[in-house]
Amino acid sequence: MPTLRDIMTPNPVTVDPQATLKEVATLMLEQDIGAVLVMEGEQPRGIITDRDIVIRAVAYGHDYGTPVTDYTTGDVFTMEADTSVEDAAREMAQRQLRRLPVTEHGRIVGIVSLGDLAVRTGGQADEQALQGISQPTNI
């Protein structure tokens, strides 16, 4: 049974909380990625996606020099690298997550996206996750 370690992208791109929207957008462009973890030391403080930048900042005409923490999704949920892909897909569905930081002994070592579930598991795990993620929330 594959684990998150088997499908994760190792060493995710991170920034500190003082990074600006422009700095993060530039990193995303240079690294060809859609999400960056905001870290304070070894602790994840948030995650920001390209969609967050567009929907939460650009659409409202906000200054690109604004600290990224104004637009991050906080309370980052993580799972250990030895978690089975099936368990991770179930959690991603339940929590409606498209990206999941992966830890080893509490330290971030990788990240798994919904795309990783699709490409690296032959599409089996992503179906379960996508069904949950696509459900509307009761807010």
C-alpha atoms as a PDB file:
ATOM      1  CA  MET A   1       0.000   0.000   0.000  1.00  0.00           C
ATOM      2  CA  PRO A   2       1.581   3.333  -1.074  1.00  0.00           C
ATOM      3  CA  THR A   3       2.213   6.033   1.512  1.00  0.00           C
ATOM      4  CA  LEU A   4       2.409   9.792   1.230  1.00  0.00           C
ATOM      5  CA  ARG A   5       6.200   9.478   1.143  1.00  0.00           C
ATOM      6  CA  ASP A   6       5.840   7.539  -2.121  1.00  0.00           C
ATOM      7  CA  ILE A   7       3.870  10.248  -3.929  1.00  0.00           C
ATOM      8  CA  MET A   8       4.840  13.532  -2.259  1.00  0.00           C
ATOM      9  CA  THR A   9       6.851  16.304  -3.816  1.00  0.00           C
ATOM     10  CA  PRO A  10       9.807  16.646  -1.430  1.00  0.00           C
ATOM     11  CA  ASN A  11      11.109  19.939  -0.041  1.00  0.00           C
ATOM     12  CA  PRO A  12       8.131  22.210  -0.761  1.00  0.00           C
ATOM     13  CA  VAL A  13       8.795  25.874  -1.435  1.00  0.00           C
ATOM     14  CA  THR A  14       8.388  27.983   1.688  1.00  0.00           C
ATOM     15  CA  VAL A  15       8.493  31.651   2.660  1.00  0.00           C
ATOM     16  CA  ASP A  16       8.516  33.489   5.954  1.00  0.00           C
ATOM     17  CA  PRO A  17       5.461  35.460   7.110  1.00  0.00           C
ATOM     18  CA  GLN A  18       6.996  38.793   6.035  1.00  0.00           C
ATOM     19  CA  ALA A  19       7.166  37.788   2.355  1.00  0.00           C
ATOM     20  CA  THR A  20       5.064  39.955   0.047  1.00  0.00           C
ATOM     21  CA  LEU A  21       2.466  38.903  -2.493  1.00  0.00           C
ATOM     22  CA  LYS A  22       4.854  39.894  -5.270  1.00  0.00           C
ATOM     23  CA  GLU A  23       7.674  37.787  -3.828  1.00  0.00           C
ATOM     24  CA  VAL A  24       5.397  34.766  -3.522  1.00  0.00           C
ATOM     25  CA  ALA A  25       3.948  35.213  -7.010  1.00  0.00           C
ATOM     26  CA  THR A  26       7.485  35.478  -8.409  1.00  0.00           C
ATOM     27  CA  LEU A  27       8.482  32.249  -6.617  1.00  0.00           C
ATOM     28  CA  MET A  28       5.427  30.505  -8.043  1.00  0.00           C
ATOM     29  CA  LEU A  29       6.378  31.639 -11.538  1.00  0.00           C
ATOM     30  CA  GLU A  30      10.041  30.648 -11.192  1.00  0.00           C
ATOM     31  CA  GLN A  31       9.292  27.258  -9.611  1.00  0.00           C
ATOM     32  CA  ASP A  32       6.195  26.520 -11.746  1.00  0.00           C
ATOM     33  CA  ILE A  33       4.101  25.808  -8.660  1.00  0.00           C
ATOM     34  CA  GLY A  34       0.669  26.828  -7.414  1.00  0.00           C
ATOM     35  CA  ALA A  35       1.134  26.809  -3.647  1.00  0.00           C
ATOM     36  CA  VAL A  36       3.702  28.015  -1.131  1.00  0.00           C
ATOM     37  CA  LEU A  37       3.877  27.207   2.568  1.00  0.00           C
ATOM     38  CA  VAL A  38       4.281  30.112   4.959  1.00  0.00           C
ATOM     39  CA  MET A  39       6.639  28.999   7.708  1.00  0.00           C
ATOM     40  CA  GLU A  40       7.686  30.563  10.969  1.00  0.00           C
ATOM     41  CA  GLY A  41      10.836  28.663  11.767  1.00  0.00           C
ATOM     42  CA  GLU A  42       9.893  24.981  11.501  1.00  0.00           C
ATOM     43  CA  GLN A  43       6.165  25.605  12.040  1.00  0.00           C
ATOM     44  CA  PRO A  44       3.681  26.022   9.176  1.00  0.00           C
ATOM     45  CA  ARG A  45       1.636  29.184   9.715  1.00  0.00           C
ATOM     46  CA  GLY A  46      -0.327  29.096   6.502  1.00  0.00           C
ATOM     47  CA  ILE A  47      -0.485  28.150   2.870  1.00  0.00           C
ATOM     48  CA  ILE A  48      -1.110  30.447  -0.056  1.00  0.00           C
ATOM     49  CA  THR A  49      -2.106  29.416  -3.541  1.00  0.00           C
ATOM     50  CA  ASP A  50      -2.054  31.206  -6.852  1.00  0.00           C
ATOM     51  CA  ARG A  51      -5.836  31.274  -6.631  1.00  0.00           C
ATOM     52  CA  ASP A  52      -5.671  32.965  -3.198  1.00  0.00           C
ATOM     53  CA  ILE A  53      -3.508  35.712  -4.678  1.00  0.00           C
ATOM     54  CA  VAL A  54      -5.890  36.312  -7.553  1.00  0.00           C
ATOM     55  CA  ILE A  55      -9.201  36.020  -5.675  1.00  0.00           C
ATOM     56  CA  ARG A  56      -8.240  37.561  -2.328  1.00  0.00           C
ATOM     57  CA  ALA A  57      -5.812  40.264  -3.468  1.00  0.00           C
ATOM     58  CA  VAL A  58      -5.630  41.079  -7.178  1.00  0.00           C
ATOM     59  CA  ALA A  59      -9.400  41.088  -7.702  1.00  0.00           C
ATOM     60  CA  TYR A  60      -9.703  43.761  -5.013  1.00  0.00           C
ATOM     61  CA  GLY A  61      -6.774  45.820  -6.269  1.00  0.00           C
ATOM     62  CA  HIS A  62      -4.680  45.263  -3.155  1.00  0.00           C
ATOM     63  CA  ASP A  63      -1.043  46.316  -3.006  1.00  0.00           C
ATOM     64  CA  TYR A  64       1.424  43.631  -4.130  1.00  0.00           C
ATOM     65  CA  GLY A  65       3.782  44.689  -1.352  1.00  0.00           C
ATOM     66  CA  THR A  66       1.303  43.458   1.263  1.00  0.00           C
ATOM     67  CA  PRO A  67       2.565  40.685   3.566  1.00  0.00           C
ATOM     68  CA  VAL A  68       1.456  37.276   2.373  1.00  0.00           C
ATOM     69  CA  THR A  69      -0.018  36.431   5.783  1.00  0.00           C
ATOM     70  CA  ASP A  70      -2.965  38.734   5.025  1.00  0.00           C
ATOM     71  CA  TYR A  71      -4.076  36.240   2.351  1.00  0.00           C
ATOM     72  CA  THR A  72      -2.986  32.818   3.591  1.00  0.00           C
ATOM     73  CA  THR A  73      -5.196  30.010   4.727  1.00  0.00           C
ATOM     74  CA  GLY A  74      -4.129  29.355   8.312  1.00  0.00           C
ATOM     75  CA  ASP A  75      -4.502  26.270  10.493  1.00  0.00           C
ATOM     76  CA  VAL A  76      -2.471  24.094   8.171  1.00  0.00           C
ATOM     77  CA  PHE A  77      -3.496  20.443   8.407  1.00  0.00           C
ATOM     78  CA  THR A  78      -0.609  18.018   7.915  1.00  0.00           C
ATOM     79  CA  MET A  79      -0.161  14.254   7.863  1.00  0.00           C
ATOM     80  CA  GLU A  80       2.863  12.059   8.541  1.00  0.00           C
ATOM     81  CA  ALA A  81       4.809  10.673   5.574  1.00  0.00           C
ATOM     82  CA  ASP A  82       4.009   7.060   6.499  1.00  0.00           C
ATOM     83  CA  THR A  83       0.232   7.662   6.219  1.00  0.00           C
ATOM     84  CA  SER A  84      -1.401   5.525   3.550  1.00  0.00           C
ATOM     85  CA  VAL A  85      -2.511   7.306   0.397  1.00  0.00           C
ATOM     86  CA  GLU A  86      -6.052   6.008   0.993  1.00  0.00           C
ATOM     87  CA  ASP A  87      -6.190   7.524   4.489  1.00  0.00           C
ATOM     88  CA  ALA A  88      -4.809  10.798   3.159  1.00  0.00           C
ATOM     89  CA  ALA A  89      -7.360  10.892   0.331  1.00  0.00           C
ATOM     90  CA  ARG A  90     -10.136  10.314   2.849  1.00  0.00           C
ATOM     91  CA  GLU A  91      -8.876  13.170   5.059  1.00  0.00           C
ATOM     92  CA  MET A  92      -8.424  15.488   2.084  1.00  0.00           C
ATOM     93  CA  ALA A  93     -12.003  14.782   1.044  1.00  0.00           C
ATOM     94  CA  GLN A  94     -13.415  15.249   4.524  1.00  0.00           C
ATOM     95  CA  ARG A  95     -11.506  18.509   5.047  1.00  0.00           C
ATOM     96  CA  GLN A  96     -11.906  19.636   1.428  1.00  0.00           C
ATOM     97  CA  LEU A  97      -8.175  20.075   0.895  1.00  0.00           C
ATOM     98  CA  ARG A  98      -6.475  20.297  -2.479  1.00  0.00           C
ATOM     99  CA  ARG A  99      -2.976  20.315  -0.976  1.00  0.00           C
ATOM    100  CA  LEU A 100      -1.604  18.446   2.015  1.00  0.00           C
ATOM    101  CA  PRO A 101       1.754  19.222   3.636  1.00  0.00           C
ATOM    102  CA  VAL A 102       3.569  16.048   4.666  1.00  0.00           C
ATOM    103  CA  THR A 103       5.579  15.769   7.878  1.00  0.00           C
ATOM    104  CA  GLU A 104       8.132  13.457   9.367  1.00  0.00           C
ATOM    105  CA  HIS A 105       8.443  13.659  13.151  1.00  0.00           C
ATOM    106  CA  GLY A 106       6.532  16.946  13.017  1.00  0.00           C
ATOM    107  CA  ARG A 107       8.806  18.585  10.421  1.00  0.00           C
ATOM    108  CA  ILE A 108       7.548  19.472   6.922  1.00  0.00           C
ATOM    109  CA  VAL A 109       9.261  17.218   4.359  1.00  0.00           C
ATOM    110  CA  GLY A 110       6.917  17.355   1.372  1.00  0.00           C
ATOM    111  CA  ILE A 111       3.550  18.233  -0.061  1.00  0.00           C
ATOM    112  CA  VAL A 112       0.882  16.209  -1.840  1.00  0.00           C
ATOM    113  CA  SER A 113      -1.647  17.773  -4.173  1.00  0.00           C
ATOM    114  CA  LEU A 114      -4.852  16.435  -5.589  1.00  0.00           C
ATOM    115  CA  GLY A 115      -2.930  16.123  -8.862  1.00  0.00           C
ATOM    116  CA  ASP A 116      -0.333  13.911  -7.176  1.00  0.00           C
ATOM    117  CA  LEU A 117      -3.122  11.593  -6.065  1.00  0.00           C
ATOM    118  CA  ALA A 118      -4.354  11.392  -9.651  1.00  0.00           C
ATOM    119  CA  VAL A 119      -1.043  10.990 -11.466  1.00  0.00           C
ATOM    120  CA  ARG A 120       0.900   8.894  -8.999  1.00  0.00           C
ATOM    121  CA  THR A 121      -1.818   6.453  -7.928  1.00  0.00           C
ATOM    122  CA  GLY A 122      -3.366   5.750 -11.297  1.00  0.00           C
ATOM    123  CA  GLY A 123      -6.394   7.873 -10.481  1.00  0.00           C
ATOM    124  CA  GLN A 124      -7.760   5.643  -7.734  1.00  0.00           C
ATOM    125  CA  ALA A 125      -7.179   7.795  -4.658  1.00  0.00           C
ATOM    126  CA  ASP A 126      -8.002  11.111  -6.293  1.00  0.00           C
ATOM    127  CA  GLU A 127     -11.554  10.019  -7.122  1.00  0.00           C
ATOM    128  CA  GLN A 128     -12.333   9.602  -3.439  1.00  0.00           C
ATOM    129  CA  ALA A 129     -10.671  12.898  -2.519  1.00  0.00           C
ATOM    130  CA  LEU A 130     -12.232  14.825  -5.386  1.00  0.00           C
ATOM    131  CA  GLN A 131     -15.724  13.678  -4.478  1.00  0.00           C
ATOM    132  CA  GLY A 132     -15.322  15.129  -1.000  1.00  0.00           C
ATOM    133  CA  ILE A 133     -13.555  18.278  -2.121  1.00  0.00           C
ATOM    134  CA  SER A 134     -16.229  19.004  -4.708  1.00  0.00           C
ATOM    135  CA  GLN A 135     -19.037  18.902  -2.164  1.00  0.00           C
ATOM    136  CA  PRO A 136     -20.441  22.287  -1.126  1.00  0.00           C
ATOM    137  CA  THR A 137     -19.803  23.259   2.464  1.00  0.00           C
ATOM    138  CA  ASN A 138     -22.450  24.359   4.918  1.00  0.00           C
ATOM    139  CA  ILE A 139     -21.121  27.726   5.948  1.00  0.00           C
END
